[in-house]
Amino acid sequence: MDSEELPPSVVGIIEYLAMMARGYDNHLKWNEQAKFKADLMHVRHRWTPVNTAAFRTRCLREGVREEDVAELVDWLEKAKAGRRLVPQASYRDFRFMTPAENPAPPRFSSRRDW
């Protein structure tokens, strides 16, 4: 998967992060990092099929600093491996508002859920 094959929602998130970093002397702020980590945890089906090399390439092409890209890729790899990331409390429930290409199947309630 090259960077052209990344899902549109992932490309949109990368573009958003790059735009926000440009506003701060090309440094990704802690709150944007927390948003990314929260989205990785809450919308796993968006990130599971993403190739980390394609993600890295697209981030660099958008102008994100190498240090920030390394951190984003590290979190992506951890999330794909099933590890838990803990964003700051104020962004714990955050999700990017881009539609997921592979929506999670609906979860039906049963008596056990009550």
N, C-alpha and C. Protein backbone atom coordinates (compact mmCIF):
# COMPACT_ATOMS: atom_id res chain seq x y z
N MET A 1 0.85 -1.18 0.00
CA MET A 1 0.00 0.00 0.00
C MET A 1 0.89 1.23 0.00
N ASP A 2 0.82 2.04 -1.04
CA ASP A 2 1.57 3.29 -1.01
C ASP A 2 0.66 4.39 -0.48
N SER A 3 1.20 5.60 -0.36
CA SER A 3 0.43 6.67 0.28
C SER A 3 -0.81 7.05 -0.50
N GLU A 4 -0.86 6.73 -1.80
CA GLU A 4 -2.07 7.01 -2.56
C GLU A 4 -3.19 6.03 -2.19
N GLU A 5 -2.83 4.90 -1.61
CA GLU A 5 -3.81 3.89 -1.25
C GLU A 5 -4.32 4.03 0.17
N LEU A 6 -3.87 5.03 0.89
CA LEU A 6 -4.38 5.24 2.24
C LEU A 6 -5.86 5.62 2.16
N PRO A 7 -6.65 5.18 3.11
CA PRO A 7 -8.06 5.56 3.11
C PRO A 7 -8.22 7.08 3.20
N PRO A 8 -9.25 7.64 2.57
CA PRO A 8 -9.44 9.09 2.59
C PRO A 8 -9.53 9.67 4.00
N SER A 9 -10.11 8.96 4.93
CA SER A 9 -10.21 9.49 6.29
C SER A 9 -8.84 9.62 6.92
N VAL A 10 -7.95 8.67 6.66
CA VAL A 10 -6.59 8.72 7.21
C VAL A 10 -5.82 9.87 6.57
N VAL A 11 -5.97 10.03 5.26
CA VAL A 11 -5.31 11.15 4.57
C VAL A 11 -5.80 12.47 5.15
N GLY A 12 -7.10 12.58 5.40
CA GLY A 12 -7.65 13.81 5.98
C GLY A 12 -7.08 14.09 7.36
N ILE A 13 -6.89 13.06 8.16
CA ILE A 13 -6.32 13.23 9.49
C ILE A 13 -4.87 13.66 9.40
N ILE A 14 -4.12 13.06 8.49
CA ILE A 14 -2.71 13.45 8.30
C ILE A 14 -2.64 14.92 7.87
N GLU A 15 -3.48 15.32 6.93
CA GLU A 15 -3.49 16.71 6.47
C GLU A 15 -3.84 17.66 7.61
N TYR A 16 -4.80 17.28 8.44
CA TYR A 16 -5.18 18.10 9.59
C TYR A 16 -4.00 18.25 10.56
N LEU A 17 -3.35 17.13 10.89
CA LEU A 17 -2.22 17.19 11.82
C LEU A 17 -1.08 18.04 11.26
N ALA A 18 -0.81 17.91 9.96
CA ALA A 18 0.24 18.72 9.33
C ALA A 18 -0.12 20.20 9.37
N MET A 19 -1.38 20.52 9.11
CA MET A 19 -1.82 21.92 9.14
C MET A 19 -1.67 22.50 10.54
N MET A 20 -2.06 21.73 11.55
CA MET A 20 -1.95 22.22 12.93
C MET A 20 -0.48 22.38 13.33
N ALA A 21 0.37 21.48 12.90
CA ALA A 21 1.80 21.58 13.22
C ALA A 21 2.41 22.82 12.59
N ARG A 22 2.01 23.13 11.35
CA ARG A 22 2.55 24.32 10.68
C ARG A 22 2.25 25.59 11.47
N GLY A 23 1.15 25.61 12.18
CA GLY A 23 0.80 26.78 12.98
C GLY A 23 1.66 26.95 14.21
N TYR A 24 2.43 25.94 14.56
CA TYR A 24 3.28 25.98 15.75
C TYR A 24 4.73 25.67 15.39
N ASP A 25 5.23 26.36 14.39
CA ASP A 25 6.63 26.20 13.97
C ASP A 25 6.94 24.75 13.64
N ASN A 26 5.97 24.09 13.02
CA ASN A 26 6.07 22.70 12.58
C ASN A 26 6.32 21.71 13.72
N HIS A 27 5.78 22.03 14.90
CA HIS A 27 5.82 21.11 16.03
C HIS A 27 4.39 20.67 16.33
N LEU A 28 4.17 19.39 16.46
CA LEU A 28 2.86 18.86 16.78
C LEU A 28 2.61 19.06 18.28
N LYS A 29 1.57 19.81 18.61
CA LYS A 29 1.28 20.10 20.02
C LYS A 29 0.75 18.87 20.74
N TRP A 30 0.83 18.91 22.04
CA TRP A 30 0.39 17.80 22.88
C TRP A 30 -1.07 17.46 22.66
N ASN A 31 -1.91 18.48 22.44
CA ASN A 31 -3.34 18.19 22.30
C ASN A 31 -3.64 17.49 20.98
N GLU A 32 -2.90 17.81 19.92
CA GLU A 32 -3.10 17.11 18.65
C GLU A 32 -2.60 15.66 18.78
N GLN A 33 -1.53 15.47 19.53
CA GLN A 33 -1.05 14.11 19.79
C GLN A 33 -2.10 13.32 20.57
N ALA A 34 -2.72 13.97 21.56
CA ALA A 34 -3.74 13.30 22.37
C ALA A 34 -4.96 12.95 21.51
N LYS A 35 -5.33 13.83 20.59
CA LYS A 35 -6.45 13.54 19.69
C LYS A 35 -6.14 12.31 18.83
N PHE A 36 -4.92 12.25 18.32
CA PHE A 36 -4.52 11.11 17.48
C PHE A 36 -4.56 9.81 18.28
N LYS A 37 -4.01 9.84 19.50
CA LYS A 37 -4.01 8.64 20.33
C LYS A 37 -5.43 8.19 20.66
N ALA A 38 -6.30 9.14 20.98
CA ALA A 38 -7.69 8.79 21.30
C ALA A 38 -8.39 8.17 20.09
N ASP A 39 -8.17 8.73 18.91
CA ASP A 39 -8.79 8.18 17.71
C ASP A 39 -8.26 6.78 17.42
N LEU A 40 -6.98 6.56 17.65
CA LEU A 40 -6.41 5.22 17.47
C LEU A 40 -7.12 4.21 18.36
N MET A 41 -7.47 4.62 19.57
CA MET A 41 -8.10 3.70 20.51
C MET A 41 -9.58 3.48 20.21
N HIS A 42 -10.28 4.54 19.82
CA HIS A 42 -11.73 4.46 19.65
C HIS A 42 -12.17 4.00 18.27
N VAL A 43 -11.35 4.22 17.26
CA VAL A 43 -11.74 3.88 15.89
C VAL A 43 -10.69 2.92 15.31
N ARG A 44 -10.49 1.83 15.99
CA ARG A 44 -9.45 0.87 15.57
C ARG A 44 -9.67 0.36 14.16
N HIS A 45 -10.93 0.18 13.75
CA HIS A 45 -11.20 -0.34 12.41
C HIS A 45 -10.73 0.63 11.32
N ARG A 46 -10.55 1.90 11.64
CA ARG A 46 -10.00 2.85 10.67
C ARG A 46 -8.50 2.62 10.48
N TRP A 47 -7.82 2.26 11.56
CA TRP A 47 -6.36 2.21 11.57
C TRP A 47 -5.78 0.82 11.32
N THR A 48 -6.53 -0.22 11.56
CA THR A 48 -6.02 -1.58 11.40
C THR A 48 -5.45 -1.86 10.01
N PRO A 49 -6.14 -1.48 8.92
CA PRO A 49 -5.59 -1.79 7.59
C PRO A 49 -4.50 -0.84 7.10
N VAL A 50 -4.18 0.20 7.86
CA VAL A 50 -3.23 1.22 7.41
C VAL A 50 -1.80 0.68 7.46
N ASN A 51 -1.11 0.79 6.36
CA ASN A 51 0.30 0.39 6.27
C ASN A 51 1.14 1.49 6.90
N THR A 52 1.99 1.13 7.87
CA THR A 52 2.77 2.14 8.58
C THR A 52 3.77 2.85 7.67
N ALA A 53 4.32 2.15 6.69
CA ALA A 53 5.26 2.79 5.76
C ALA A 53 4.54 3.83 4.91
N ALA A 54 3.34 3.51 4.44
CA ALA A 54 2.56 4.46 3.65
C ALA A 54 2.16 5.65 4.51
N PHE A 55 1.82 5.39 5.77
CA PHE A 55 1.46 6.46 6.70
C PHE A 55 2.64 7.39 6.91
N ARG A 56 3.82 6.81 7.15
CA ARG A 56 5.04 7.60 7.36
C ARG A 56 5.33 8.46 6.13
N THR A 57 5.27 7.86 4.95
CA THR A 57 5.56 8.57 3.70
C THR A 57 4.62 9.76 3.52
N ARG A 58 3.34 9.54 3.76
CA ARG A 58 2.36 10.62 3.57
C ARG A 58 2.58 11.74 4.58
N CYS A 59 2.88 11.39 5.84
CA CYS A 59 3.15 12.42 6.85
C CYS A 59 4.34 13.28 6.45
N LEU A 60 5.41 12.64 6.00
CA LEU A 60 6.60 13.39 5.59
C LEU A 60 6.30 14.26 4.38
N ARG A 61 5.52 13.74 3.43
CA ARG A 61 5.16 14.52 2.25
C ARG A 61 4.32 15.75 2.62
N GLU A 62 3.52 15.62 3.67
CA GLU A 62 2.70 16.76 4.12
C GLU A 62 3.52 17.76 4.93
N GLY A 63 4.77 17.42 5.25
CA GLY A 63 5.65 18.37 5.93
C GLY A 63 5.73 18.22 7.44
N VAL A 64 5.26 17.11 7.97
CA VAL A 64 5.36 16.88 9.41
C VAL A 64 6.81 16.56 9.75
N ARG A 65 7.29 17.10 10.87
CA ARG A 65 8.68 16.87 11.30
C ARG A 65 8.97 15.39 11.49
N GLU A 66 10.19 15.00 11.22
CA GLU A 66 10.62 13.61 11.36
C GLU A 66 10.38 13.10 12.79
N GLU A 67 10.66 13.94 13.80
CA GLU A 67 10.47 13.52 15.19
C GLU A 67 9.00 13.22 15.47
N ASP A 68 8.11 14.08 14.97
CA ASP A 68 6.68 13.86 15.18
C ASP A 68 6.19 12.64 14.40
N VAL A 69 6.69 12.46 13.20
CA VAL A 69 6.30 11.30 12.39
C VAL A 69 6.71 10.01 13.10
N ALA A 70 7.91 9.98 13.65
CA ALA A 70 8.38 8.78 14.35
C ALA A 70 7.46 8.46 15.53
N GLU A 71 7.02 9.49 16.24
CA GLU A 71 6.13 9.27 17.38
C GLU A 71 4.75 8.79 16.92
N LEU A 72 4.21 9.40 15.87
CA LEU A 72 2.91 8.98 15.34
C LEU A 72 2.96 7.54 14.84
N VAL A 73 4.01 7.19 14.13
CA VAL A 73 4.15 5.83 13.60
C VAL A 73 4.30 4.83 14.75
N ASP A 74 5.03 5.20 15.78
CA ASP A 74 5.18 4.32 16.94
C ASP A 74 3.82 4.04 17.58
N TRP A 75 3.01 5.08 17.75
CA TRP A 75 1.67 4.89 18.33
C TRP A 75 0.79 4.04 17.42
N LEU A 76 0.89 4.28 16.11
CA LEU A 76 0.11 3.49 15.16
C LEU A 76 0.49 2.01 15.25
N GLU A 77 1.78 1.72 15.31
CA GLU A 77 2.23 0.33 15.42
C GLU A 77 1.76 -0.31 16.72
N LYS A 78 1.81 0.44 17.81
CA LYS A 78 1.36 -0.08 19.10
C LYS A 78 -0.14 -0.38 19.06
N ALA A 79 -0.91 0.53 18.48
CA ALA A 79 -2.36 0.32 18.40
C ALA A 79 -2.68 -0.89 17.53
N LYS A 80 -1.96 -1.03 16.42
CA LYS A 80 -2.20 -2.17 15.54
C LYS A 80 -1.81 -3.49 16.21
N ALA A 81 -0.87 -3.44 17.15
CA ALA A 81 -0.46 -4.63 17.89
C ALA A 81 -1.40 -4.94 19.05
N GLY A 82 -2.41 -4.10 19.23
CA GLY A 82 -3.39 -4.35 20.29
C GLY A 82 -3.06 -3.70 21.61
N ARG A 83 -2.04 -2.88 21.65
CA ARG A 83 -1.67 -2.21 22.90
C ARG A 83 -2.59 -1.03 23.14
N ARG A 84 -2.67 -0.62 24.38
CA ARG A 84 -3.55 0.48 24.76
C ARG A 84 -2.74 1.76 24.89
N LEU A 85 -3.25 2.83 24.31
CA LEU A 85 -2.63 4.15 24.43
C LEU A 85 -3.52 4.98 25.34
N VAL A 86 -2.91 5.84 26.14
CA VAL A 86 -3.68 6.65 27.08
C VAL A 86 -3.48 8.12 26.75
N PRO A 87 -4.48 8.75 26.11
CA PRO A 87 -4.38 10.18 25.85
C PRO A 87 -4.69 10.98 27.11
N GLN A 88 -4.36 12.27 27.10
CA GLN A 88 -4.68 13.12 28.23
C GLN A 88 -6.19 13.11 28.46
N ALA A 89 -6.57 13.31 29.71
CA ALA A 89 -7.97 13.16 30.13
C ALA A 89 -8.94 14.02 29.32
N SER A 90 -8.55 15.23 28.97
CA SER A 90 -9.47 16.12 28.27
C SER A 90 -9.79 15.66 26.86
N TYR A 91 -8.99 14.76 26.29
CA TYR A 91 -9.23 14.26 24.93
C TYR A 91 -9.51 12.76 24.92
N ARG A 92 -9.76 12.18 26.05
CA ARG A 92 -9.93 10.73 26.15
C ARG A 92 -11.02 10.18 25.25
N ASP A 93 -12.11 10.93 25.03
CA ASP A 93 -13.23 10.45 24.22
C ASP A 93 -13.24 11.02 22.81
N PHE A 94 -12.17 11.65 22.40
CA PHE A 94 -12.12 12.32 21.09
C PHE A 94 -12.10 11.31 19.95
N ARG A 95 -12.80 11.69 18.86
CA ARG A 95 -12.76 10.95 17.59
C ARG A 95 -12.74 11.97 16.47
N PHE A 96 -11.90 11.75 15.46
CA PHE A 96 -11.91 12.63 14.30
C PHE A 96 -13.24 12.43 13.57
N MET A 97 -13.79 13.50 13.05
CA MET A 97 -15.12 13.45 12.45
C MET A 97 -15.12 13.03 10.99
N THR A 98 -14.13 12.32 10.55
CA THR A 98 -14.13 11.81 9.18
C THR A 98 -14.83 10.46 9.20
N PRO A 99 -15.57 10.14 8.16
CA PRO A 99 -16.26 8.84 8.17
C PRO A 99 -15.26 7.70 8.01
N ALA A 100 -15.48 6.66 8.73
CA ALA A 100 -14.62 5.47 8.62
C ALA A 100 -15.03 4.67 7.40
N GLU A 101 -14.06 4.19 6.64
CA GLU A 101 -14.35 3.44 5.42
C GLU A 101 -14.95 2.07 5.73
N ASN A 102 -14.47 1.45 6.78
CA ASN A 102 -14.95 0.13 7.16
C ASN A 102 -15.64 0.25 8.52
N PRO A 103 -16.87 0.70 8.53
CA PRO A 103 -17.51 0.90 9.83
C PRO A 103 -17.59 -0.41 10.61
N ALA A 104 -17.49 -0.27 11.90
CA ALA A 104 -17.57 -1.46 12.75
C ALA A 104 -18.97 -2.05 12.63
N PRO A 105 -19.08 -3.34 12.70
CA PRO A 105 -20.41 -3.94 12.61
C PRO A 105 -21.26 -3.50 13.79
N PRO A 106 -22.55 -3.36 13.59
CA PRO A 106 -23.40 -2.91 14.70
C PRO A 106 -23.37 -3.92 15.84
N ARG A 107 -23.39 -3.40 17.02
CA ARG A 107 -23.37 -4.27 18.20
C ARG A 107 -24.79 -4.35 18.73
N PHE A 108 -25.31 -5.53 18.77
CA PHE A 108 -26.67 -5.72 19.24
C PHE A 108 -26.64 -6.06 20.73
N SER A 109 -27.62 -5.54 21.44
CA SER A 109 -27.72 -5.79 22.87
C SER A 109 -28.35 -7.14 23.13
N SER A 110 -27.98 -7.72 24.21
CA SER A 110 -28.61 -8.96 24.65
C SER A 110 -28.91 -8.81 26.13
N ARG A 111 -29.55 -9.80 26.67
CA ARG A 111 -29.88 -9.73 28.09
C ARG A 111 -28.63 -9.67 28.96
N ARG A 112 -27.54 -10.19 28.48
CA ARG A 112 -26.31 -10.16 29.27
C ARG A 112 -25.76 -8.75 29.42
N ASP A 113 -26.11 -7.86 28.49
CA ASP A 113 -25.63 -6.48 28.56
C ASP A 113 -26.35 -5.68 29.63
N TRP A 114 -27.47 -6.18 30.10
CA TRP A 114 -28.26 -5.43 31.07
C TRP A 114 -27.69 -5.67 32.40
